[in-house]
Amino acid sequence: MKKLFFVLIAAFFYSMSAFAAVNLNTATKEELESLKGVGPAKAQAILDYRQKNGSFKTVDDLNNVPGFGDKTLAKLRSEISVSGKTTVAAPVAAPAKATPAAKVDKSKLTDKPAKEPKVVPAPAPAPTAAAPVAAPAKPEDSAKAAKKAAAEERKAAKAAKKAADAAAAPAAK
């Protein structure tokens, strides 16, 4: 059982080194700048060293780059490698600042109930004068006249409803 435990621990540490974020031999300047403590100048120094001396053999070769020492290397060791693929996580956006809540004027707060709006009755629709219907001369004329009278009545009713709705709208506000 102990052997299995140690094998699992060893596999874990090996896998962690395999998932280092930035490969010193293939990383671009922007990828190098994504490392904590590496700015544009240090990233350029790594690229210049790599161009002049070839690829890094070990992570410890970073000590040979101007501007890097043991402390910086110790901070970066878990994030860098000399083999494998460079996998830089997308930068995490800073959370947006919360806007301050609107201030409430406490002097205007009361325990009194709100006033109820006044209810104004809608005005009665104006009476419409019905057009006198002349006696039709033919049966077809009486059907046309009846349709015409019905259309006029519908039109008058629609106008009356519209006027009532218009009068009720300001009262609702």
Protein backbone atom coordinates (compact mmCIF):
# COMPACT_ATOMS: atom_id res chain seq x y z
CA MET A 1 0.00 0.00 0.00
CA LYS A 2 2.82 2.40 0.82
CA LYS A 3 4.44 1.71 -2.54
CA LEU A 4 1.20 2.58 -4.33
CA PHE A 5 0.95 5.80 -2.35
CA PHE A 6 4.50 6.83 -3.25
CA VAL A 7 3.94 5.96 -6.91
CA LEU A 8 0.84 8.17 -6.96
CA ILE A 9 2.73 11.05 -5.30
CA ALA A 10 5.59 10.71 -7.78
CA ALA A 11 3.15 10.62 -10.70
CA PHE A 12 1.46 13.74 -9.39
CA PHE A 13 4.70 15.72 -9.19
CA TYR A 14 5.79 14.47 -12.60
CA SER A 15 2.49 15.51 -14.13
CA MET A 16 2.76 18.95 -12.55
CA SER A 17 6.12 19.51 -14.23
CA ALA A 18 4.67 18.33 -17.53
CA PHE A 19 1.92 20.96 -17.34
CA ALA A 20 4.25 23.93 -16.91
CA ALA A 21 2.66 26.88 -18.63
CA VAL A 22 5.50 28.39 -20.68
CA ASN A 23 8.19 26.60 -22.68
CA LEU A 24 11.31 28.80 -22.62
CA ASN A 25 12.40 27.44 -26.01
CA THR A 26 9.20 28.15 -27.98
CA ALA A 27 7.39 30.95 -26.13
CA THR A 28 6.75 34.31 -27.77
CA LYS A 29 7.45 37.60 -26.06
CA GLU A 30 3.79 37.99 -25.09
CA GLU A 31 3.70 34.47 -23.61
CA LEU A 32 6.84 35.18 -21.60
CA GLU A 33 5.35 38.45 -20.35
CA SER A 34 2.36 36.49 -19.01
CA LEU A 35 4.68 35.05 -16.34
CA LYS A 36 4.51 36.79 -12.98
CA GLY A 37 7.55 39.03 -12.53
CA VAL A 38 8.53 39.00 -16.23
CA GLY A 39 8.00 42.29 -18.01
CA PRO A 40 8.86 43.36 -21.56
CA ALA A 41 12.57 43.85 -20.79
CA LYS A 42 13.06 40.43 -19.20
CA ALA A 43 11.02 38.72 -21.92
CA GLN A 44 13.23 40.36 -24.56
CA ALA A 45 16.34 39.28 -22.63
CA ILE A 46 15.14 35.65 -22.74
CA LEU A 47 14.52 35.90 -26.49
CA ASP A 48 17.96 37.47 -27.07
CA TYR A 49 19.68 34.78 -25.00
CA ARG A 50 17.81 32.05 -26.87
CA GLN A 51 18.79 33.54 -30.24
CA LYS A 52 22.44 33.94 -29.25
CA ASN A 53 23.01 30.67 -27.35
CA GLY A 54 20.39 28.32 -28.75
CA SER A 55 17.66 26.54 -26.83
CA PHE A 56 17.64 26.18 -23.06
CA LYS A 57 18.84 22.74 -21.91
CA THR A 58 17.38 23.05 -18.39
CA VAL A 59 15.24 25.55 -16.52
CA ASP A 60 18.36 26.44 -14.49
CA ASP A 61 19.90 27.95 -17.65
CA LEU A 62 17.59 30.91 -17.01
CA ASN A 63 20.16 32.03 -14.39
CA ASN A 64 22.49 32.87 -17.30
CA VAL A 65 20.03 35.44 -18.69
CA PRO A 66 20.74 39.01 -17.53
CA GLY A 67 18.14 40.13 -14.97
CA PHE A 68 17.39 36.62 -13.65
CA GLY A 69 18.73 35.23 -10.42
CA ASP A 70 17.99 32.45 -7.99
CA LYS A 71 15.00 34.23 -6.41
CA THR A 72 13.29 34.94 -9.73
CA LEU A 73 14.00 31.41 -10.93
CA ALA A 74 12.52 29.96 -7.73
CA LYS A 75 9.31 31.97 -8.28
CA LEU A 76 9.01 30.91 -11.92
CA ARG A 77 10.13 27.27 -11.70
CA SER A 78 6.58 25.86 -11.50
CA GLU A 79 5.43 27.95 -14.47
CA ILE A 80 8.23 27.27 -16.97
CA SER A 81 9.72 24.31 -18.79
CA VAL A 82 12.18 23.57 -21.60
CA SER A 83 10.01 20.99 -23.35
CA GLY A 84 6.38 20.52 -24.21
CA LYS A 85 3.81 22.89 -25.51
CA THR A 86 3.38 26.45 -24.26
CA THR A 87 -0.07 26.74 -22.74
CA VAL A 88 -0.82 30.18 -21.43
CA ALA A 89 -4.22 30.58 -19.82
CA ALA A 90 -6.34 33.48 -21.00
CA PRO A 91 -5.86 36.47 -18.71
CA VAL A 92 -8.55 36.78 -16.10
CA ALA A 93 -10.42 40.04 -16.44
CA ALA A 94 -10.61 42.14 -13.33
CA PRO A 95 -14.11 42.28 -11.92
CA ALA A 96 -15.99 45.41 -12.80
CA LYS A 97 -16.24 47.94 -10.04
CA ALA A 98 -19.63 48.05 -8.47
CA THR A 99 -21.43 51.30 -8.97
CA PRO A 100 -22.58 52.92 -5.75
CA ALA A 101 -26.22 52.45 -4.93
CA ALA A 102 -28.49 55.41 -5.33
CA LYS A 103 -28.71 57.44 -2.16
CA VAL A 104 -32.09 57.59 -0.50
CA ASP A 105 -33.24 60.81 1.13
CA LYS A 106 -34.38 59.43 4.47
CA SER A 107 -36.12 62.66 5.40
CA LYS A 108 -38.78 61.90 2.81
CA LEU A 109 -39.51 58.42 4.15
CA THR A 110 -42.74 58.28 6.15
CA ASP A 111 -45.13 55.72 7.53
CA LYS A 112 -48.08 57.39 5.83
CA PRO A 113 -49.78 55.39 3.10
CA ALA A 114 -49.51 56.71 -0.42
CA LYS A 115 -52.41 58.83 -1.64
CA GLU A 116 -54.85 57.01 -3.82
CA PRO A 117 -55.31 58.54 -7.27
CA LYS A 118 -58.57 60.28 -7.96
CA VAL A 119 -60.92 58.34 -10.16
CA VAL A 120 -62.54 60.54 -12.74
CA PRO A 121 -65.44 58.99 -14.60
CA ALA A 122 -65.14 58.97 -18.34
CA PRO A 123 -67.38 61.46 -20.10
CA ALA A 124 -70.45 60.04 -21.65
CA PRO A 125 -70.16 59.65 -25.38
CA ALA A 126 -71.77 62.42 -27.33
CA PRO A 127 -75.03 61.38 -28.89
CA THR A 128 -74.73 60.88 -32.57
CA ALA A 129 -77.46 61.87 -34.88
CA ALA A 130 -78.63 59.03 -36.98
CA ALA A 131 -78.92 59.92 -40.59
CA PRO A 132 -82.49 59.73 -41.77
CA VAL A 133 -83.01 56.84 -44.08
CA ALA A 134 -85.08 57.67 -47.09
CA ALA A 135 -87.56 55.17 -48.32
CA PRO A 136 -85.83 53.01 -50.85
CA ALA A 137 -87.13 52.83 -54.32
CA LYS A 138 -85.83 49.32 -55.03
CA PRO A 139 -85.17 46.28 -52.81
CA GLU A 140 -81.42 46.37 -53.67
CA ASP A 141 -81.27 49.98 -52.47
CA SER A 142 -82.77 49.05 -49.09
CA ALA A 143 -80.06 46.38 -48.53
CA LYS A 144 -77.34 48.87 -49.47
CA ALA A 145 -78.86 51.51 -47.23
CA ALA A 146 -79.07 49.06 -44.30
CA LYS A 147 -75.38 48.10 -44.76
CA LYS A 148 -74.43 51.77 -44.98
CA ALA A 149 -76.38 52.60 -41.81
CA ALA A 150 -74.79 49.66 -39.95
CA ALA A 151 -71.30 50.77 -41.04
CA GLU A 152 -71.98 54.31 -39.83
CA GLU A 153 -73.24 52.99 -36.49
CA ARG A 154 -70.07 50.88 -36.08
CA LYS A 155 -67.95 53.91 -36.97
CA ALA A 156 -69.78 56.07 -34.42
CA ALA A 157 -69.45 53.41 -31.71
CA LYS A 158 -65.72 53.07 -32.44
CA ALA A 159 -65.25 56.85 -32.21
CA ALA A 160 -67.18 56.96 -28.91
CA LYS A 161 -65.04 54.15 -27.44
CA LYS A 162 -61.85 55.90 -28.57
CA ALA A 163 -62.98 59.13 -26.89
CA ALA A 164 -63.82 57.28 -23.67
CA ASP A 165 -60.42 55.52 -23.65
CA ALA A 166 -58.62 58.82 -24.26
CA ALA A 167 -60.45 60.44 -21.36
CA ALA A 168 -59.71 57.49 -19.05
CA ALA A 169 -55.99 57.40 -19.86
CA PRO A 170 -55.02 60.65 -18.02
CA ALA A 171 -57.06 59.57 -15.00
CA ALA A 172 -55.10 56.31 -14.78
CA LYS A 173 -51.79 58.16 -14.57
